[in-house]
Amino acid sequence: MRITRLVAGTVTAGLLGLTPIAIAAPSQAADTWATTTVAAPSVTTLEYGDTLDVSIDVDGADGYGTYDGTTTLYALEAGATAWVPVTTVQASYSIYDVKPSMNTTYKVVYSGFTDTDTVYGDNYTASESATFTVSVARKITYPQSGFVIKGKVTPSYAKKKIVIKASRKRNKGYKAFKTIKTTSTGKYKVTLPQRGGTWYWSFAVKGDSKFLATGFVWRTTVY
């Protein structure tokens, strides 16, 4: 019985001597990386009413691309002074069916990203792409055949000139034929002379600060 008591006492003494062990917090923290945003348009010149796509790539200084955060496409139309947001997508996602209404400069802005894991996560700083400009030509409609040429110029081409020139060759030798004006709604109409042989007729719409010059070439043949 004494042996039993001694063992019990030894065990009790040992338990009383235990000291709690402190667990140290990890010294590692989330990394923060600078970013580079690159935006590339599918075209830089188009006709009014057409669309373009913008591919976007956001890369961190860690050497990896990121899909964390968002990217916003901003537009600055000709003559405007303020950037206007067009649409927002997830970072590094392409933007489709962008439809400029006139000559427009664009840029893409990356929002940056802060990971909720403050120890092992990766944070990315905000950045923006270089700007790029998309030039827009007015749209001019015309018939499929004949000597009576009529159509419409859009947008914003009321009571303005269309210069018509004629040549026997497709790519050179054009001389002034006639200058006509559109109506208040941008419509036009002209009857071409039925000259013998093959003739080429150049219809030219002047450009301005908001739109590129545009036009078309018409061919007539009289045997």
C-alpha atoms as a PDB file:
ATOM      1  CA  MET A   1       0.000   0.000   0.000  1.00  0.00           C
ATOM      2  CA  ARG A   2       2.877   2.385   0.677  1.00  0.00           C
ATOM      3  CA  ILE A   3       4.267   1.762  -2.775  1.00  0.00           C
ATOM      4  CA  THR A   4       0.923   2.649  -4.235  1.00  0.00           C
ATOM      5  CA  ARG A   5       0.830   5.898  -2.334  1.00  0.00           C
ATOM      6  CA  LEU A   6       4.349   6.854  -3.407  1.00  0.00           C
ATOM      7  CA  VAL A   7       3.576   6.319  -7.078  1.00  0.00           C
ATOM      8  CA  ALA A   8       0.415   8.359  -6.806  1.00  0.00           C
ATOM      9  CA  GLY A   9       2.290  11.152  -5.116  1.00  0.00           C
ATOM     10  CA  THR A  10       4.986  11.118  -7.786  1.00  0.00           C
ATOM     11  CA  VAL A  11       2.438  11.369 -10.547  1.00  0.00           C
ATOM     12  CA  THR A  12       0.713  14.289  -8.809  1.00  0.00           C
ATOM     13  CA  ALA A  13       4.002  16.113  -8.390  1.00  0.00           C
ATOM     14  CA  GLY A  14       4.733  15.639 -12.079  1.00  0.00           C
ATOM     15  CA  LEU A  15       1.379  17.077 -13.169  1.00  0.00           C
ATOM     16  CA  LEU A  16       1.852  20.126 -10.993  1.00  0.00           C
ATOM     17  CA  GLY A  17       5.161  20.815 -12.705  1.00  0.00           C
ATOM     18  CA  LEU A  18       3.779  21.034 -16.320  1.00  0.00           C
ATOM     19  CA  THR A  19       4.367  24.376 -18.075  1.00  0.00           C
ATOM     20  CA  PRO A  20       2.203  25.481 -21.076  1.00  0.00           C
ATOM     21  CA  ILE A  21       4.161  25.661 -24.374  1.00  0.00           C
ATOM     22  CA  ALA A  22       3.566  28.860 -26.400  1.00  0.00           C
ATOM     23  CA  ILE A  23       3.027  28.368 -30.175  1.00  0.00           C
ATOM     24  CA  ALA A  24       4.753  31.125 -32.193  1.00  0.00           C
ATOM     25  CA  ALA A  25       2.784  32.848 -35.008  1.00  0.00           C
ATOM     26  CA  PRO A  26       4.174  32.231 -38.493  1.00  0.00           C
ATOM     27  CA  SER A  27       6.410  35.045 -39.736  1.00  0.00           C
ATOM     28  CA  GLN A  28       5.247  34.737 -43.380  1.00  0.00           C
ATOM     29  CA  ALA A  29       2.762  37.336 -44.768  1.00  0.00           C
ATOM     30  CA  ALA A  30       0.864  37.704 -48.058  1.00  0.00           C
ATOM     31  CA  ASP A  31       2.968  38.925 -50.994  1.00  0.00           C
ATOM     32  CA  THR A  32       2.045  42.109 -52.845  1.00  0.00           C
ATOM     33  CA  TRP A  33       2.943  42.332 -56.517  1.00  0.00           C
ATOM     34  CA  ALA A  34       2.920  45.236 -58.968  1.00  0.00           C
ATOM     35  CA  THR A  35       0.973  44.531 -62.175  1.00  0.00           C
ATOM     36  CA  THR A  36       1.100  45.351 -65.861  1.00  0.00           C
ATOM     37  CA  THR A  37      -2.094  45.578 -67.925  1.00  0.00           C
ATOM     38  CA  VAL A  38      -1.996  45.118 -71.701  1.00  0.00           C
ATOM     39  CA  ALA A  39      -5.027  45.722 -73.950  1.00  0.00           C
ATOM     40  CA  ALA A  40      -5.111  44.975 -77.689  1.00  0.00           C
ATOM     41  CA  PRO A  41      -8.026  45.788 -80.054  1.00  0.00           C
ATOM     42  CA  SER A  42      -8.994  43.367 -82.834  1.00  0.00           C
ATOM     43  CA  VAL A  43      -9.106  46.311 -85.303  1.00  0.00           C
ATOM     44  CA  THR A  44      -8.208  49.996 -85.172  1.00  0.00           C
ATOM     45  CA  THR A  45     -10.368  51.140 -88.108  1.00  0.00           C
ATOM     46  CA  LEU A  46     -13.979  50.220 -88.788  1.00  0.00           C
ATOM     47  CA  GLU A  47     -17.236  51.434 -90.320  1.00  0.00           C
ATOM     48  CA  TYR A  48     -19.952  53.052 -88.226  1.00  0.00           C
ATOM     49  CA  GLY A  49     -22.147  50.323 -86.726  1.00  0.00           C
ATOM     50  CA  ASP A  50     -19.429  47.659 -86.708  1.00  0.00           C
ATOM     51  CA  THR A  51     -17.866  46.248 -83.540  1.00  0.00           C
ATOM     52  CA  LEU A  52     -14.452  45.245 -82.230  1.00  0.00           C
ATOM     53  CA  ASP A  53     -13.075  42.990 -79.490  1.00  0.00           C
ATOM     54  CA  VAL A  54     -10.422  43.852 -76.903  1.00  0.00           C
ATOM     55  CA  SER A  55      -8.077  41.190 -75.538  1.00  0.00           C
ATOM     56  CA  ILE A  56      -6.716  41.875 -72.053  1.00  0.00           C
ATOM     57  CA  ASP A  57      -3.753  40.459 -70.158  1.00  0.00           C
ATOM     58  CA  VAL A  58      -2.939  41.349 -66.534  1.00  0.00           C
ATOM     59  CA  ASP A  59       0.477  40.122 -65.360  1.00  0.00           C
ATOM     60  CA  GLY A  60       2.011  40.340 -61.888  1.00  0.00           C
ATOM     61  CA  ALA A  61       5.654  41.076 -61.115  1.00  0.00           C
ATOM     62  CA  ASP A  62       5.789  37.497 -59.822  1.00  0.00           C
ATOM     63  CA  GLY A  63       5.795  36.377 -63.453  1.00  0.00           C
ATOM     64  CA  TYR A  64       2.257  35.037 -63.463  1.00  0.00           C
ATOM     65  CA  GLY A  65      -0.947  36.277 -65.047  1.00  0.00           C
ATOM     66  CA  THR A  66      -3.898  36.876 -62.765  1.00  0.00           C
ATOM     67  CA  TYR A  67      -7.660  36.526 -63.052  1.00  0.00           C
ATOM     68  CA  ASP A  68      -8.251  38.006 -59.607  1.00  0.00           C
ATOM     69  CA  GLY A  69      -9.968  41.391 -59.546  1.00  0.00           C
ATOM     70  CA  THR A  70     -11.654  43.156 -62.469  1.00  0.00           C
ATOM     71  CA  THR A  71     -10.730  45.140 -65.555  1.00  0.00           C
ATOM     72  CA  THR A  72     -12.823  48.043 -66.860  1.00  0.00           C
ATOM     73  CA  LEU A  73     -12.774  49.420 -70.398  1.00  0.00           C
ATOM     74  CA  TYR A  74     -12.922  53.235 -70.530  1.00  0.00           C
ATOM     75  CA  ALA A  75     -13.713  55.367 -73.594  1.00  0.00           C
ATOM     76  CA  LEU A  76     -12.816  58.938 -74.531  1.00  0.00           C
ATOM     77  CA  GLU A  77     -14.789  59.994 -77.611  1.00  0.00           C
ATOM     78  CA  ALA A  78     -13.458  62.606 -80.032  1.00  0.00           C
ATOM     79  CA  GLY A  79     -13.962  66.056 -78.523  1.00  0.00           C
ATOM     80  CA  ALA A  80     -14.749  64.721 -75.035  1.00  0.00           C
ATOM     81  CA  THR A  81     -12.714  65.569 -71.930  1.00  0.00           C
ATOM     82  CA  ALA A  82     -13.833  62.833 -69.527  1.00  0.00           C
ATOM     83  CA  TRP A  83     -13.277  59.090 -69.639  1.00  0.00           C
ATOM     84  CA  VAL A  84     -16.477  57.057 -69.520  1.00  0.00           C
ATOM     85  CA  PRO A  85     -16.645  53.399 -68.367  1.00  0.00           C
ATOM     86  CA  VAL A  86     -17.931  51.038 -71.058  1.00  0.00           C
ATOM     87  CA  THR A  87     -17.995  47.640 -69.366  1.00  0.00           C
ATOM     88  CA  THR A  88     -16.293  45.649 -66.592  1.00  0.00           C
ATOM     89  CA  VAL A  89     -15.146  42.018 -66.741  1.00  0.00           C
ATOM     90  CA  GLN A  90     -13.042  39.658 -64.666  1.00  0.00           C
ATOM     91  CA  ALA A  91      -9.319  40.400 -64.861  1.00  0.00           C
ATOM     92  CA  SER A  92      -7.591  39.107 -68.025  1.00  0.00           C
ATOM     93  CA  TYR A  93     -10.942  38.319 -69.704  1.00  0.00           C
ATOM     94  CA  SER A  94     -11.501  39.648 -73.229  1.00  0.00           C
ATOM     95  CA  ILE A  95     -14.222  42.200 -73.954  1.00  0.00           C
ATOM     96  CA  TYR A  96     -16.415  41.566 -76.995  1.00  0.00           C
ATOM     97  CA  ASP A  97     -18.682  43.577 -79.309  1.00  0.00           C
ATOM     98  CA  VAL A  98     -17.477  47.059 -78.424  1.00  0.00           C
ATOM     99  CA  LYS A  99     -19.295  49.520 -80.728  1.00  0.00           C
ATOM    100  CA  PRO A 100     -17.725  52.988 -80.987  1.00  0.00           C
ATOM    101  CA  SER A 101     -20.075  55.704 -82.254  1.00  0.00           C
ATOM    102  CA  MET A 102     -17.196  57.888 -83.520  1.00  0.00           C
ATOM    103  CA  ASN A 103     -13.403  58.114 -83.334  1.00  0.00           C
ATOM    104  CA  THR A 104     -12.667  56.939 -79.803  1.00  0.00           C
ATOM    105  CA  THR A 105      -9.637  56.433 -77.583  1.00  0.00           C
ATOM    106  CA  TYR A 106      -9.762  53.544 -75.114  1.00  0.00           C
ATOM    107  CA  LYS A 107      -7.858  52.262 -72.099  1.00  0.00           C
ATOM    108  CA  VAL A 108      -8.286  49.358 -69.685  1.00  0.00           C
ATOM    109  CA  VAL A 109      -7.965  49.821 -65.916  1.00  0.00           C
ATOM    110  CA  TYR A 110      -7.223  46.900 -63.581  1.00  0.00           C
ATOM    111  CA  SER A 111      -8.803  47.226 -60.123  1.00  0.00           C
ATOM    112  CA  GLY A 112      -6.079  45.452 -58.152  1.00  0.00           C
ATOM    113  CA  PHE A 113      -6.777  42.590 -55.745  1.00  0.00           C
ATOM    114  CA  THR A 114      -6.364  41.924 -52.007  1.00  0.00           C
ATOM    115  CA  ASP A 115      -6.425  38.251 -50.990  1.00  0.00           C
ATOM    116  CA  THR A 116      -8.470  37.340 -47.907  1.00  0.00           C
ATOM    117  CA  ASP A 117      -5.680  34.953 -46.897  1.00  0.00           C
ATOM    118  CA  THR A 118      -3.371  37.471 -45.191  1.00  0.00           C
ATOM    119  CA  VAL A 119      -0.644  34.888 -44.660  1.00  0.00           C
ATOM    120  CA  TYR A 120      -0.279  32.841 -47.822  1.00  0.00           C
ATOM    121  CA  GLY A 121      -2.298  34.855 -50.359  1.00  0.00           C
ATOM    122  CA  ASP A 122      -1.086  37.089 -53.201  1.00  0.00           C
ATOM    123  CA  ASN A 123      -2.101  40.731 -53.521  1.00  0.00           C
ATOM    124  CA  TYR A 124      -1.918  42.682 -56.787  1.00  0.00           C
ATOM    125  CA  THR A 125      -1.711  46.447 -57.214  1.00  0.00           C
ATOM    126  CA  ALA A 126      -3.942  48.384 -59.620  1.00  0.00           C
ATOM    127  CA  SER A 127      -2.641  49.353 -63.078  1.00  0.00           C
ATOM    128  CA  GLU A 128      -3.883  50.561 -66.448  1.00  0.00           C
ATOM    129  CA  SER A 129      -3.034  49.847 -70.057  1.00  0.00           C
ATOM    130  CA  ALA A 130      -1.624  52.174 -72.660  1.00  0.00           C
ATOM    131  CA  THR A 131      -4.329  53.971 -74.627  1.00  0.00           C
ATOM    132  CA  PHE A 132      -5.323  52.974 -78.155  1.00  0.00           C
ATOM    133  CA  THR A 133      -7.522  54.753 -80.694  1.00  0.00           C
ATOM    134  CA  VAL A 134     -10.185  53.239 -82.929  1.00  0.00           C
ATOM    135  CA  SER A 135     -11.066  55.324 -85.992  1.00  0.00           C
ATOM    136  CA  VAL A 136     -14.617  55.170 -87.337  1.00  0.00           C
ATOM    137  CA  ALA A 137     -15.702  55.885 -90.912  1.00  0.00           C
ATOM    138  CA  ARG A 138     -19.230  56.999 -91.675  1.00  0.00           C
ATOM    139  CA  LYS A 139     -21.442  54.440 -93.396  1.00  0.00           C
ATOM    140  CA  ILE A 140     -22.645  55.181 -96.924  1.00  0.00           C
ATOM    141  CA  THR A 141     -25.255  52.951 -98.579  1.00  0.00           C
ATOM    142  CA  TYR A 142     -25.804  52.517-102.323  1.00  0.00           C
ATOM    143  CA  PRO A 143     -27.728  50.232-104.731  1.00  0.00           C
ATOM    144  CA  GLN A 144     -26.512  47.012-106.338  1.00  0.00           C
ATOM    145  CA  SER A 145     -26.649  48.137-109.977  1.00  0.00           C
ATOM    146  CA  GLY A 146     -27.862  50.805-112.383  1.00  0.00           C
ATOM    147  CA  PHE A 147     -27.156  54.417-113.300  1.00  0.00           C
ATOM    148  CA  VAL A 148     -29.331  55.965-110.602  1.00  0.00           C
ATOM    149  CA  ILE A 149     -27.182  55.979-107.470  1.00  0.00           C
ATOM    150  CA  LYS A 150     -28.910  56.739-104.208  1.00  0.00           C
ATOM    151  CA  GLY A 151     -28.444  55.965-100.560  1.00  0.00           C
ATOM    152  CA  LYS A 152     -27.708  57.509 -97.195  1.00  0.00           C
ATOM    153  CA  VAL A 153     -24.693  58.649 -95.209  1.00  0.00           C
ATOM    154  CA  THR A 154     -24.792  58.078 -91.439  1.00  0.00           C
ATOM    155  CA  PRO A 155     -24.389  59.471 -88.918  1.00  0.00           C
ATOM    156  CA  SER A 156     -24.526  63.290 -88.806  1.00  0.00           C
ATOM    157  CA  TYR A 157     -24.100  64.076 -92.489  1.00  0.00           C
ATOM    158  CA  ALA A 158     -27.006  66.404 -93.244  1.00  0.00           C
ATOM    159  CA  LYS A 159     -26.666  68.830 -96.157  1.00  0.00           C
ATOM    160  CA  LYS A 160     -23.034  67.988 -96.724  1.00  0.00           C
ATOM    161  CA  LYS A 161     -21.032  67.302 -99.867  1.00  0.00           C
ATOM    162  CA  ILE A 162     -20.333  64.094-101.746  1.00  0.00           C
ATOM    163  CA  VAL A 163     -17.650  64.554-104.397  1.00  0.00           C
ATOM    164  CA  ILE A 164     -18.001  62.424-107.536  1.00  0.00           C
ATOM    165  CA  LYS A 165     -15.094  61.839-109.917  1.00  0.00           C
ATOM    166  CA  ALA A 166     -14.854  59.727-113.089  1.00  0.00           C
ATOM    167  CA  SER A 167     -12.107  57.705-114.772  1.00  0.00           C
ATOM    168  CA  ARG A 168     -11.653  55.079-117.477  1.00  0.00           C
ATOM    169  CA  LYS A 169      -9.313  53.192-115.128  1.00  0.00           C
ATOM    170  CA  ARG A 170     -10.031  51.719-111.710  1.00  0.00           C
ATOM    171  CA  ASN A 171      -6.978  52.948-109.837  1.00  0.00           C
ATOM    172  CA  LYS A 172      -5.987  56.260-111.423  1.00  0.00           C
ATOM    173  CA  GLY A 173      -6.894  59.127-113.692  1.00  0.00           C
ATOM    174  CA  TYR A 174      -9.969  60.406-111.849  1.00  0.00           C
ATOM    175  CA  LYS A 175     -11.310  63.820-112.821  1.00  0.00           C
ATOM    176  CA  ALA A 176     -14.033  65.878-111.202  1.00  0.00           C
ATOM    177  CA  PHE A 177     -17.538  65.097-112.445  1.00  0.00           C
ATOM    178  CA  LYS A 178     -20.003  66.576-109.984  1.00  0.00           C
ATOM    179  CA  THR A 179     -20.453  67.550-106.339  1.00  0.00           C
ATOM    180  CA  ILE A 180     -23.816  66.847-104.750  1.00  0.00           C
ATOM    181  CA  LYS A 181     -25.291  67.516-101.296  1.00  0.00           C
ATOM    182  CA  THR A 182     -27.160  65.231 -98.968  1.00  0.00           C
ATOM    183  CA  THR A 183     -30.622  66.050 -97.658  1.00  0.00           C
ATOM    184  CA  SER A 184     -31.437  67.022 -94.079  1.00  0.00           C
ATOM    185  CA  THR A 185     -31.581  63.306 -93.273  1.00  0.00           C
ATOM    186  CA  GLY A 186     -28.287  62.424 -94.957  1.00  0.00           C
ATOM    187  CA  LYS A 187     -29.833  60.924 -98.120  1.00  0.00           C
ATOM    188  CA  TYR A 188     -28.432  61.484-101.602  1.00  0.00           C
ATOM    189  CA  LYS A 189     -29.349  60.703-105.217  1.00  0.00           C
ATOM    190  CA  VAL A 190     -27.611  61.211-108.566  1.00  0.00           C
ATOM    191  CA  THR A 191     -28.095  59.885-112.099  1.00  0.00           C
ATOM    192  CA  LEU A 192     -24.866  58.967-113.871  1.00  0.00           C
ATOM    193  CA  PRO A 193     -24.530  59.524-117.638  1.00  0.00           C
ATOM    194  CA  GLN A 194     -24.597  56.439-119.849  1.00  0.00           C
ATOM    195  CA  ARG A 195     -21.176  56.906-121.373  1.00  0.00           C
ATOM    196  CA  GLY A 196     -19.933  54.341-123.873  1.00  0.00           C
ATOM    197  CA  GLY A 197     -17.508  51.698-122.641  1.00  0.00           C
ATOM    198  CA  THR A 198     -16.550  51.083-119.014  1.00  0.00           C
ATOM    199  CA  TRP A 199     -16.317  53.972-116.573  1.00  0.00           C
ATOM    200  CA  TYR A 200     -15.433  54.141-112.892  1.00  0.00           C
ATOM    201  CA  TRP A 201     -17.094  56.640-110.574  1.00  0.00           C
ATOM    202  CA  SER A 202     -15.587  57.606-107.236  1.00  0.00           C
ATOM    203  CA  PHE A 203     -17.975  58.795-104.508  1.00  0.00           C
ATOM    204  CA  ALA A 204     -16.092  60.493-101.641  1.00  0.00           C
ATOM    205  CA  VAL A 205     -17.386  61.618 -98.248  1.00  0.00           C
ATOM    206  CA  LYS A 206     -15.095  64.009 -96.414  1.00  0.00           C
ATOM    207  CA  GLY A 207     -13.826  63.172 -92.943  1.00  0.00           C
ATOM    208  CA  ASP A 208     -13.750  65.428 -89.892  1.00  0.00           C
ATOM    209  CA  SER A 209     -12.583  65.371 -86.272  1.00  0.00           C
ATOM    210  CA  LYS A 210     -15.103  62.670 -85.373  1.00  0.00           C
ATOM    211  CA  PHE A 211     -15.111  60.427 -88.453  1.00  0.00           C
ATOM    212  CA  LEU A 212     -12.776  59.173 -91.151  1.00  0.00           C
ATOM    213  CA  ALA A 213     -13.323  60.010 -94.798  1.00  0.00           C
ATOM    214  CA  THR A 214     -15.106  57.240 -96.687  1.00  0.00           C
ATOM    215  CA  GLY A 215     -16.623  56.407-100.047  1.00  0.00           C
ATOM    216  CA  PHE A 216     -16.919  53.796-102.779  1.00  0.00           C
ATOM    217  CA  VAL A 217     -16.211  53.229-106.469  1.00  0.00           C
ATOM    218  CA  TRP A 218     -19.039  52.488-108.916  1.00  0.00           C
ATOM    219  CA  ARG A 219     -18.613  50.917-112.370  1.00  0.00           C
ATOM    220  CA  THR A 220     -20.829  51.440-115.402  1.00  0.00           C
ATOM    221  CA  THR A 221     -20.568  49.749-118.793  1.00  0.00           C
ATOM    222  CA  VAL A 222     -22.354  50.635-122.025  1.00  0.00           C
ATOM    223  CA  TYR A 223     -21.732  48.479-125.090  1.00  0.00           C
END
